[in-house]
Amino acid sequence: STLMHIIGCLDKPSSGEYILGGKA
């Protein structure tokens, strides 16, 4: 569920890179 919240931009990761639709 934490993973889904990050994928959906409901939460932010503590570290790492998330690129969604070509945008970090």
mmCIF file of all heavy atoms, coordinates in Angstrom:
data_MODEL
# 
_entry.id   MODEL 
# 
loop_
_atom_site.group_PDB 
_atom_site.id 
_atom_site.type_symbol 
_atom_site.label_atom_id 
_atom_site.label_alt_id 
_atom_site.label_comp_id 
_atom_site.label_asym_id 
_atom_site.label_entity_id 
_atom_site.label_seq_id 
_atom_site.pdbx_PDB_ins_code 
_atom_site.Cartn_x 
_atom_site.Cartn_y 
_atom_site.Cartn_z 
_atom_site.occupancy 
_atom_site.B_iso_or_equiv 
_atom_site.pdbx_formal_charge 
_atom_site.auth_seq_id 
_atom_site.auth_comp_id 
_atom_site.auth_asym_id 
_atom_site.auth_atom_id 
_atom_site.pdbx_PDB_model_num 
ATOM 1   N N   . SER A 1 1  ? 0.826  -1.211 0.000   1.00 0.00 ? 1  SER A N   1 
ATOM 2   C CA  . SER A 1 1  ? 0.000  0.000  0.000   1.00 0.00 ? 1  SER A CA  1 
ATOM 3   C C   . SER A 1 1  ? 0.861  1.263  0.000   1.00 0.00 ? 1  SER A C   1 
ATOM 4   O O   . SER A 1 1  ? 0.539  2.248  -0.674  1.00 0.00 ? 1  SER A O   1 
ATOM 5   C CB  . SER A 1 1  ? -0.948 0.001  1.200   1.00 0.00 ? 1  SER A CB  1 
ATOM 6   O OG  . SER A 1 1  ? -1.929 -1.003 1.064   1.00 0.00 ? 1  SER A OG  1 
ATOM 7   N N   . THR A 1 2  ? 1.978  1.238  0.743   1.00 0.00 ? 2  THR A N   1 
ATOM 8   C CA  . THR A 1 2  ? 2.916  2.366  0.708   1.00 0.00 ? 2  THR A CA  1 
ATOM 9   C C   . THR A 1 2  ? 3.437  2.565  -0.703  1.00 0.00 ? 2  THR A C   1 
ATOM 10  O O   . THR A 1 2  ? 3.542  3.696  -1.191  1.00 0.00 ? 2  THR A O   1 
ATOM 11  C CB  . THR A 1 2  ? 4.096  2.108  1.667   1.00 0.00 ? 2  THR A CB  1 
ATOM 12  O OG1 . THR A 1 2  ? 3.606  1.967  2.992   1.00 0.00 ? 2  THR A OG1 1 
ATOM 13  C CG2 . THR A 1 2  ? 5.103  3.246  1.619   1.00 0.00 ? 2  THR A CG2 1 
ATOM 14  N N   . LEU A 1 3  ? 3.737  1.470  -1.372  1.00 0.00 ? 3  LEU A N   1 
ATOM 15  C CA  . LEU A 1 3  ? 4.220  1.531  -2.750  1.00 0.00 ? 3  LEU A CA  1 
ATOM 16  C C   . LEU A 1 3  ? 3.173  2.167  -3.658  1.00 0.00 ? 3  LEU A C   1 
ATOM 17  O O   . LEU A 1 3  ? 3.491  3.025  -4.491  1.00 0.00 ? 3  LEU A O   1 
ATOM 18  C CB  . LEU A 1 3  ? 4.562  0.114  -3.217  1.00 0.00 ? 3  LEU A CB  1 
ATOM 19  C CG  . LEU A 1 3  ? 5.210  -0.061 -4.578  1.00 0.00 ? 3  LEU A CG  1 
ATOM 20  C CD1 . LEU A 1 3  ? 6.469  0.791  -4.711  1.00 0.00 ? 3  LEU A CD1 1 
ATOM 21  C CD2 . LEU A 1 3  ? 5.536  -1.533 -4.802  1.00 0.00 ? 3  LEU A CD2 1 
ATOM 22  N N   . MET A 1 4  ? 1.899  1.782  -3.493  1.00 0.00 ? 4  MET A N   1 
ATOM 23  C CA  . MET A 1 4  ? 0.851  2.368  -4.315  1.00 0.00 ? 4  MET A CA  1 
ATOM 24  C C   . MET A 1 4  ? 0.700  3.864  -4.049  1.00 0.00 ? 4  MET A C   1 
ATOM 25  O O   . MET A 1 4  ? 0.498  4.647  -4.974  1.00 0.00 ? 4  MET A O   1 
ATOM 26  C CB  . MET A 1 4  ? -0.485 1.673  -4.075  1.00 0.00 ? 4  MET A CB  1 
ATOM 27  C CG  . MET A 1 4  ? -1.514 2.063  -5.123  1.00 0.00 ? 4  MET A CG  1 
ATOM 28  S SD  . MET A 1 4  ? -3.226 1.721  -4.699  1.00 0.00 ? 4  MET A SD  1 
ATOM 29  C CE  . MET A 1 4  ? -3.575 3.075  -3.601  1.00 0.00 ? 4  MET A CE  1 
ATOM 30  N N   . HIS A 1 5  ? 0.817  4.273  -2.786  1.00 0.00 ? 5  HIS A N   1 
ATOM 31  C CA  . HIS A 1 5  ? 0.700  5.696  -2.458  1.00 0.00 ? 5  HIS A CA  1 
ATOM 32  C C   . HIS A 1 5  ? 1.807  6.509  -3.118  1.00 0.00 ? 5  HIS A C   1 
ATOM 33  O O   . HIS A 1 5  ? 1.580  7.634  -3.573  1.00 0.00 ? 5  HIS A O   1 
ATOM 34  C CB  . HIS A 1 5  ? 0.732  5.887  -0.943  1.00 0.00 ? 5  HIS A CB  1 
ATOM 35  C CG  . HIS A 1 5  ? -0.507 5.416  -0.260  1.00 0.00 ? 5  HIS A CG  1 
ATOM 36  N ND1 . HIS A 1 5  ? -0.592 5.239  1.099   1.00 0.00 ? 5  HIS A ND1 1 
ATOM 37  C CD2 . HIS A 1 5  ? -1.729 5.087  -0.755  1.00 0.00 ? 5  HIS A CD2 1 
ATOM 38  C CE1 . HIS A 1 5  ? -1.810 4.819  1.414   1.00 0.00 ? 5  HIS A CE1 1 
ATOM 39  N NE2 . HIS A 1 5  ? -2.508 4.722  0.295   1.00 0.00 ? 5  HIS A NE2 1 
ATOM 40  N N   . ILE A 1 6  ? 2.988  5.938  -3.200  1.00 0.00 ? 6  ILE A N   1 
ATOM 41  C CA  . ILE A 1 6  ? 4.095  6.641  -3.862  1.00 0.00 ? 6  ILE A CA  1 
ATOM 42  C C   . ILE A 1 6  ? 3.878  6.665  -5.371  1.00 0.00 ? 6  ILE A C   1 
ATOM 43  O O   . ILE A 1 6  ? 4.053  7.708  -6.015  1.00 0.00 ? 6  ILE A O   1 
ATOM 44  C CB  . ILE A 1 6  ? 5.447  5.996  -3.482  1.00 0.00 ? 6  ILE A CB  1 
ATOM 45  C CG1 . ILE A 1 6  ? 5.771  6.327  -2.023  1.00 0.00 ? 6  ILE A CG1 1 
ATOM 46  C CG2 . ILE A 1 6  ? 6.570  6.483  -4.405  1.00 0.00 ? 6  ILE A CG2 1 
ATOM 47  C CD1 . ILE A 1 6  ? 7.001  5.644  -1.482  1.00 0.00 ? 6  ILE A CD1 1 
ATOM 48  N N   . ILE A 1 7  ? 3.471  5.537  -5.949  1.00 0.00 ? 7  ILE A N   1 
ATOM 49  C CA  . ILE A 1 7  ? 3.201  5.507  -7.394  1.00 0.00 ? 7  ILE A CA  1 
ATOM 50  C C   . ILE A 1 7  ? 2.135  6.535  -7.750  1.00 0.00 ? 7  ILE A C   1 
ATOM 51  O O   . ILE A 1 7  ? 2.229  7.214  -8.771  1.00 0.00 ? 7  ILE A O   1 
ATOM 52  C CB  . ILE A 1 7  ? 2.763  4.087  -7.830  1.00 0.00 ? 7  ILE A CB  1 
ATOM 53  C CG1 . ILE A 1 7  ? 3.940  3.105  -7.712  1.00 0.00 ? 7  ILE A CG1 1 
ATOM 54  C CG2 . ILE A 1 7  ? 2.237  4.100  -9.267  1.00 0.00 ? 7  ILE A CG2 1 
ATOM 55  C CD1 . ILE A 1 7  ? 3.547  1.648  -7.935  1.00 0.00 ? 7  ILE A CD1 1 
ATOM 56  N N   . GLY A 1 8  ? 1.112  6.665  -6.892  1.00 0.00 ? 8  GLY A N   1 
ATOM 57  C CA  . GLY A 1 8  ? 0.016  7.597  -7.159  1.00 0.00 ? 8  GLY A CA  1 
ATOM 58  C C   . GLY A 1 8  ? 0.266  9.014  -6.697  1.00 0.00 ? 8  GLY A C   1 
ATOM 59  O O   . GLY A 1 8  ? -0.637 9.853  -6.758  1.00 0.00 ? 8  GLY A O   1 
ATOM 60  N N   . CYS A 1 9  ? 1.486  9.309  -6.245  1.00 0.00 ? 9  CYS A N   1 
ATOM 61  C CA  . CYS A 1 9  ? 1.849  10.659 -5.780  1.00 0.00 ? 9  CYS A CA  1 
ATOM 62  C C   . CYS A 1 9  ? 1.010  11.124 -4.594  1.00 0.00 ? 9  CYS A C   1 
ATOM 63  O O   . CYS A 1 9  ? 0.781  12.320 -4.406  1.00 0.00 ? 9  CYS A O   1 
ATOM 64  C CB  . CYS A 1 9  ? 1.766  11.682 -6.918  1.00 0.00 ? 9  CYS A CB  1 
ATOM 65  S SG  . CYS A 1 9  ? 2.928  11.375 -8.255  1.00 0.00 ? 9  CYS A SG  1 
ATOM 66  N N   . LEU A 1 10 ? 0.527  10.158 -3.797  1.00 0.00 ? 10 LEU A N   1 
ATOM 67  C CA  . LEU A 1 10 ? -0.150 10.486 -2.544  1.00 0.00 ? 10 LEU A CA  1 
ATOM 68  C C   . LEU A 1 10 ? 0.860  10.643 -1.411  1.00 0.00 ? 10 LEU A C   1 
ATOM 69  O O   . LEU A 1 10 ? 0.539  11.180 -0.351  1.00 0.00 ? 10 LEU A O   1 
ATOM 70  C CB  . LEU A 1 10 ? -1.155 9.393  -2.186  1.00 0.00 ? 10 LEU A CB  1 
ATOM 71  C CG  . LEU A 1 10 ? -2.363 9.254  -3.108  1.00 0.00 ? 10 LEU A CG  1 
ATOM 72  C CD1 . LEU A 1 10 ? -3.140 7.981  -2.781  1.00 0.00 ? 10 LEU A CD1 1 
ATOM 73  C CD2 . LEU A 1 10 ? -3.264 10.471 -3.021  1.00 0.00 ? 10 LEU A CD2 1 
ATOM 74  N N   . ASP A 1 11 ? 2.065  10.147 -1.636  1.00 0.00 ? 11 ASP A N   1 
ATOM 75  C CA  . ASP A 1 11 ? 3.135  10.237 -0.644  1.00 0.00 ? 11 ASP A CA  1 
ATOM 76  C C   . ASP A 1 11 ? 4.457  10.355 -1.398  1.00 0.00 ? 11 ASP A C   1 
ATOM 77  O O   . ASP A 1 11 ? 4.536  10.037 -2.595  1.00 0.00 ? 11 ASP A O   1 
ATOM 78  C CB  . ASP A 1 11 ? 3.126  8.985  0.245   1.00 0.00 ? 11 ASP A CB  1 
ATOM 79  C CG  . ASP A 1 11 ? 3.822  9.200  1.582   1.00 0.00 ? 11 ASP A CG  1 
ATOM 80  O OD1 . ASP A 1 11 ? 4.401  10.291 1.781   1.00 0.00 ? 11 ASP A OD1 1 
ATOM 81  O OD2 . ASP A 1 11 ? 3.791  8.281  2.420   1.00 0.00 ? 11 ASP A OD2 1 
ATOM 82  N N   . LYS A 1 12 ? 5.487  10.804 -0.692  1.00 0.00 ? 12 LYS A N   1 
ATOM 83  C CA  . LYS A 1 12 ? 6.812  10.959 -1.297  1.00 0.00 ? 12 LYS A CA  1 
ATOM 84  C C   . LYS A 1 12 ? 7.787  9.979  -0.666  1.00 0.00 ? 12 LYS A C   1 
ATOM 85  O O   . LYS A 1 12 ? 7.690  9.677  0.526   1.00 0.00 ? 12 LYS A O   1 
ATOM 86  C CB  . LYS A 1 12 ? 7.321  12.397 -1.095  1.00 0.00 ? 12 LYS A CB  1 
ATOM 87  C CG  . LYS A 1 12 ? 6.533  13.428 -1.882  1.00 0.00 ? 12 LYS A CG  1 
ATOM 88  C CD  . LYS A 1 12 ? 7.160  14.811 -1.802  1.00 0.00 ? 12 LYS A CD  1 
ATOM 89  C CE  . LYS A 1 12 ? 6.806  15.513 -0.515  1.00 0.00 ? 12 LYS A CE  1 
ATOM 90  N NZ  . LYS A 1 12 ? 7.211  16.945 -0.534  1.00 0.00 ? 12 LYS A NZ  1 
ATOM 91  N N   . PRO A 1 13 ? 8.728  9.461  -1.465  1.00 0.00 ? 13 PRO A N   1 
ATOM 92  C CA  . PRO A 1 13 ? 9.711  8.538  -0.896  1.00 0.00 ? 13 PRO A CA  1 
ATOM 93  C C   . PRO A 1 13 ? 10.697 9.262  0.006   1.00 0.00 ? 13 PRO A C   1 
ATOM 94  O O   . PRO A 1 13 ? 10.921 10.468 -0.135  1.00 0.00 ? 13 PRO A O   1 
ATOM 95  C CB  . PRO A 1 13 ? 10.411 7.974  -2.140  1.00 0.00 ? 13 PRO A CB  1 
ATOM 96  C CG  . PRO A 1 13 ? 10.276 9.048  -3.174  1.00 0.00 ? 13 PRO A CG  1 
ATOM 97  C CD  . PRO A 1 13 ? 8.941  9.693  -2.912  1.00 0.00 ? 13 PRO A CD  1 
ATOM 98  N N   . SER A 1 14 ? 11.281 8.515  0.921   1.00 0.00 ? 14 SER A N   1 
ATOM 99  C CA  . SER A 1 14 ? 12.340 9.069  1.764   1.00 0.00 ? 14 SER A CA  1 
ATOM 100 C C   . SER A 1 14 ? 13.634 9.218  0.976   1.00 0.00 ? 14 SER A C   1 
ATOM 101 O O   . SER A 1 14 ? 14.433 10.124 1.225   1.00 0.00 ? 14 SER A O   1 
ATOM 102 C CB  . SER A 1 14 ? 12.574 8.169  2.983   1.00 0.00 ? 14 SER A CB  1 
ATOM 103 O OG  . SER A 1 14 ? 11.394 8.058  3.751   1.00 0.00 ? 14 SER A OG  1 
ATOM 104 N N   . SER A 1 15 ? 13.848 8.311  0.027   1.00 0.00 ? 15 SER A N   1 
ATOM 105 C CA  . SER A 1 15 ? 15.011 8.393  -0.852  1.00 0.00 ? 15 SER A CA  1 
ATOM 106 C C   . SER A 1 15 ? 14.715 7.617  -2.125  1.00 0.00 ? 15 SER A C   1 
ATOM 107 O O   . SER A 1 15 ? 13.769 6.836  -2.194  1.00 0.00 ? 15 SER A O   1 
ATOM 108 C CB  . SER A 1 15 ? 16.261 7.833  -0.164  1.00 0.00 ? 15 SER A CB  1 
ATOM 109 O OG  . SER A 1 15 ? 16.101 6.454  0.122   1.00 0.00 ? 15 SER A OG  1 
ATOM 110 N N   . GLY A 1 16 ? 15.529 7.853  -3.141  1.00 0.00 ? 16 GLY A N   1 
ATOM 111 C CA  . GLY A 1 16 ? 15.347 7.199  -4.431  1.00 0.00 ? 16 GLY A CA  1 
ATOM 112 C C   . GLY A 1 16 ? 14.748 8.139  -5.457  1.00 0.00 ? 16 GLY A C   1 
ATOM 113 O O   . GLY A 1 16 ? 14.405 9.287  -5.152  1.00 0.00 ? 16 GLY A O   1 
ATOM 114 N N   . GLU A 1 17 ? 14.624 7.648  -6.672  1.00 0.00 ? 17 GLU A N   1 
ATOM 115 C CA  . GLU A 1 17 ? 14.131 8.445  -7.796  1.00 0.00 ? 17 GLU A CA  1 
ATOM 116 C C   . GLU A 1 17 ? 12.849 7.822  -8.339  1.00 0.00 ? 17 GLU A C   1 
ATOM 117 O O   . GLU A 1 17 ? 12.793 6.619  -8.571  1.00 0.00 ? 17 GLU A O   1 
ATOM 118 C CB  . GLU A 1 17 ? 15.198 8.495  -8.896  1.00 0.00 ? 17 GLU A CB  1 
ATOM 119 C CG  . GLU A 1 17 ? 14.789 9.321  -10.117 1.00 0.00 ? 17 GLU A CG  1 
ATOM 120 C CD  . GLU A 1 17 ? 15.834 9.269  -11.217 1.00 0.00 ? 17 GLU A CD  1 
ATOM 121 O OE1 . GLU A 1 17 ? 16.277 8.146  -11.567 1.00 0.00 ? 17 GLU A OE1 1 
ATOM 122 O OE2 . GLU A 1 17 ? 16.216 10.338 -11.739 1.00 0.00 ? 17 GLU A OE2 1 
ATOM 123 N N   . TYR A 1 18 ? 11.841 8.673  -8.556  1.00 0.00 ? 18 TYR A N   1 
ATOM 124 C CA  . TYR A 1 18 ? 10.579 8.225  -9.152  1.00 0.00 ? 18 TYR A CA  1 
ATOM 125 C C   . TYR A 1 18 ? 10.294 9.075  -10.379 1.00 0.00 ? 18 TYR A C   1 
ATOM 126 O O   . TYR A 1 18 ? 10.114 10.288 -10.275 1.00 0.00 ? 18 TYR A O   1 
ATOM 127 C CB  . TYR A 1 18 ? 9.435  8.331  -8.148  1.00 0.00 ? 18 TYR A CB  1 
ATOM 128 C CG  . TYR A 1 18 ? 8.080  7.930  -8.713  1.00 0.00 ? 18 TYR A CG  1 
ATOM 129 C CD1 . TYR A 1 18 ? 7.969  7.036  -9.775  1.00 0.00 ? 18 TYR A CD1 1 
ATOM 130 C CD2 . TYR A 1 18 ? 6.899  8.446  -8.193  1.00 0.00 ? 18 TYR A CD2 1 
ATOM 131 C CE1 . TYR A 1 18 ? 6.753  6.673  -10.292 1.00 0.00 ? 18 TYR A CE1 1 
ATOM 132 C CE2 . TYR A 1 18 ? 5.665  8.082  -8.693  1.00 0.00 ? 18 TYR A CE2 1 
ATOM 133 C CZ  . TYR A 1 18 ? 5.591  7.200  -9.750  1.00 0.00 ? 18 TYR A CZ  1 
ATOM 134 O OH  . TYR A 1 18 ? 4.380  6.844  -10.272 1.00 0.00 ? 18 TYR A OH  1 
ATOM 135 N N   . ILE A 1 19 ? 10.260 8.429  -11.536 1.00 0.00 ? 19 ILE A N   1 
ATOM 136 C CA  . ILE A 1 19 ? 9.981  9.106  -12.800 1.00 0.00 ? 19 ILE A CA  1 
ATOM 137 C C   . ILE A 1 19 ? 8.606  8.657  -13.282 1.00 0.00 ? 19 ILE A C   1 
ATOM 138 O O   . ILE A 1 19 ? 8.376  7.474  -13.538 1.00 0.00 ? 19 ILE A O   1 
ATOM 139 C CB  . ILE A 1 19 ? 11.063 8.796  -13.850 1.00 0.00 ? 19 ILE A CB  1 
ATOM 140 C CG1 . ILE A 1 19 ? 12.426 9.272  -13.343 1.00 0.00 ? 19 ILE A CG1 1 
ATOM 141 C CG2 . ILE A 1 19 ? 10.726 9.461  -15.184 1.00 0.00 ? 19 ILE A CG2 1 
ATOM 142 C CD1 . ILE A 1 19 ? 13.584 8.870  -14.220 1.00 0.00 ? 19 ILE A CD1 1 
ATOM 143 N N   . LEU A 1 20 ? 7.691  9.601  -13.394 1.00 0.00 ? 20 LEU A N   1 
ATOM 144 C CA  . LEU A 1 20 ? 6.316  9.332  -13.797 1.00 0.00 ? 20 LEU A CA  1 
ATOM 145 C C   . LEU A 1 20 ? 6.031  10.080 -15.088 1.00 0.00 ? 20 LEU A C   1 
ATOM 146 O O   . LEU A 1 20 ? 6.089  11.307 -15.131 1.00 0.00 ? 20 LEU A O   1 
ATOM 147 C CB  . LEU A 1 20 ? 5.352  9.777  -12.696 1.00 0.00 ? 20 LEU A CB  1 
ATOM 148 C CG  . LEU A 1 20 ? 3.854  9.637  -12.978 1.00 0.00 ? 20 LEU A CG  1 
ATOM 149 C CD1 . LEU A 1 20 ? 3.483  8.177  -13.220 1.00 0.00 ? 20 LEU A CD1 1 
ATOM 150 C CD2 . LEU A 1 20 ? 3.037  10.200 -11.829 1.00 0.00 ? 20 LEU A CD2 1 
ATOM 151 N N   . GLY A 1 21 ? 5.741  9.331  -16.142 1.00 0.00 ? 21 GLY A N   1 
ATOM 152 C CA  . GLY A 1 21 ? 5.471  9.960  -17.435 1.00 0.00 ? 21 GLY A CA  1 
ATOM 153 C C   . GLY A 1 21 ? 6.621  10.817 -17.918 1.00 0.00 ? 21 GLY A C   1 
ATOM 154 O O   . GLY A 1 21 ? 6.395  11.848 -18.560 1.00 0.00 ? 21 GLY A O   1 
ATOM 155 N N   . GLY A 1 22 ? 7.844  10.401 -17.625 1.00 0.00 ? 22 GLY A N   1 
ATOM 156 C CA  . GLY A 1 22 ? 9.025  11.131 -18.065 1.00 0.00 ? 22 GLY A CA  1 
ATOM 157 C C   . GLY A 1 22 ? 9.468  12.255 -17.155 1.00 0.00 ? 22 GLY A C   1 
ATOM 158 O O   . GLY A 1 22 ? 10.475 12.919 -17.427 1.00 0.00 ? 22 GLY A O   1 
ATOM 159 N N   . LYS A 1 23 ? 8.759  12.489 -16.040 1.00 0.00 ? 23 LYS A N   1 
ATOM 160 C CA  . LYS A 1 23 ? 9.087  13.588 -15.123 1.00 0.00 ? 23 LYS A CA  1 
ATOM 161 C C   . LYS A 1 23 ? 9.487  13.032 -13.758 1.00 0.00 ? 23 LYS A C   1 
ATOM 162 O O   . LYS A 1 23 ? 8.785  12.210 -13.187 1.00 0.00 ? 23 LYS A O   1 
ATOM 163 C CB  . LYS A 1 23 ? 7.868  14.511 -14.953 1.00 0.00 ? 23 LYS A CB  1 
ATOM 164 C CG  . LYS A 1 23 ? 8.051  15.637 -13.924 1.00 0.00 ? 23 LYS A CG  1 
ATOM 165 C CD  . LYS A 1 23 ? 6.778  16.461 -13.800 1.00 0.00 ? 23 LYS A CD  1 
ATOM 166 C CE  . LYS A 1 23 ? 6.869  17.485 -12.674 1.00 0.00 ? 23 LYS A CE  1 
ATOM 167 N NZ  . LYS A 1 23 ? 7.901  18.500 -12.902 1.00 0.00 ? 23 LYS A NZ  1 
ATOM 168 N N   . ALA A 1 24 ? 10.639 13.485 -13.267 1.00 0.00 ? 24 ALA A N   1 
ATOM 169 C CA  . ALA A 1 24 ? 11.072 13.100 -11.924 1.00 0.00 ? 24 ALA A CA  1 
ATOM 170 C C   . ALA A 1 24 ? 10.207 13.840 -10.903 1.00 0.00 ? 24 ALA A C   1 
ATOM 171 O O   . ALA A 1 24 ? 10.170 15.074 -10.893 1.00 0.00 ? 24 ALA A O   1 
ATOM 172 C CB  . ALA A 1 24 ? 12.547 13.431 -11.722 1.00 0.00 ? 24 ALA A CB  1 
# 
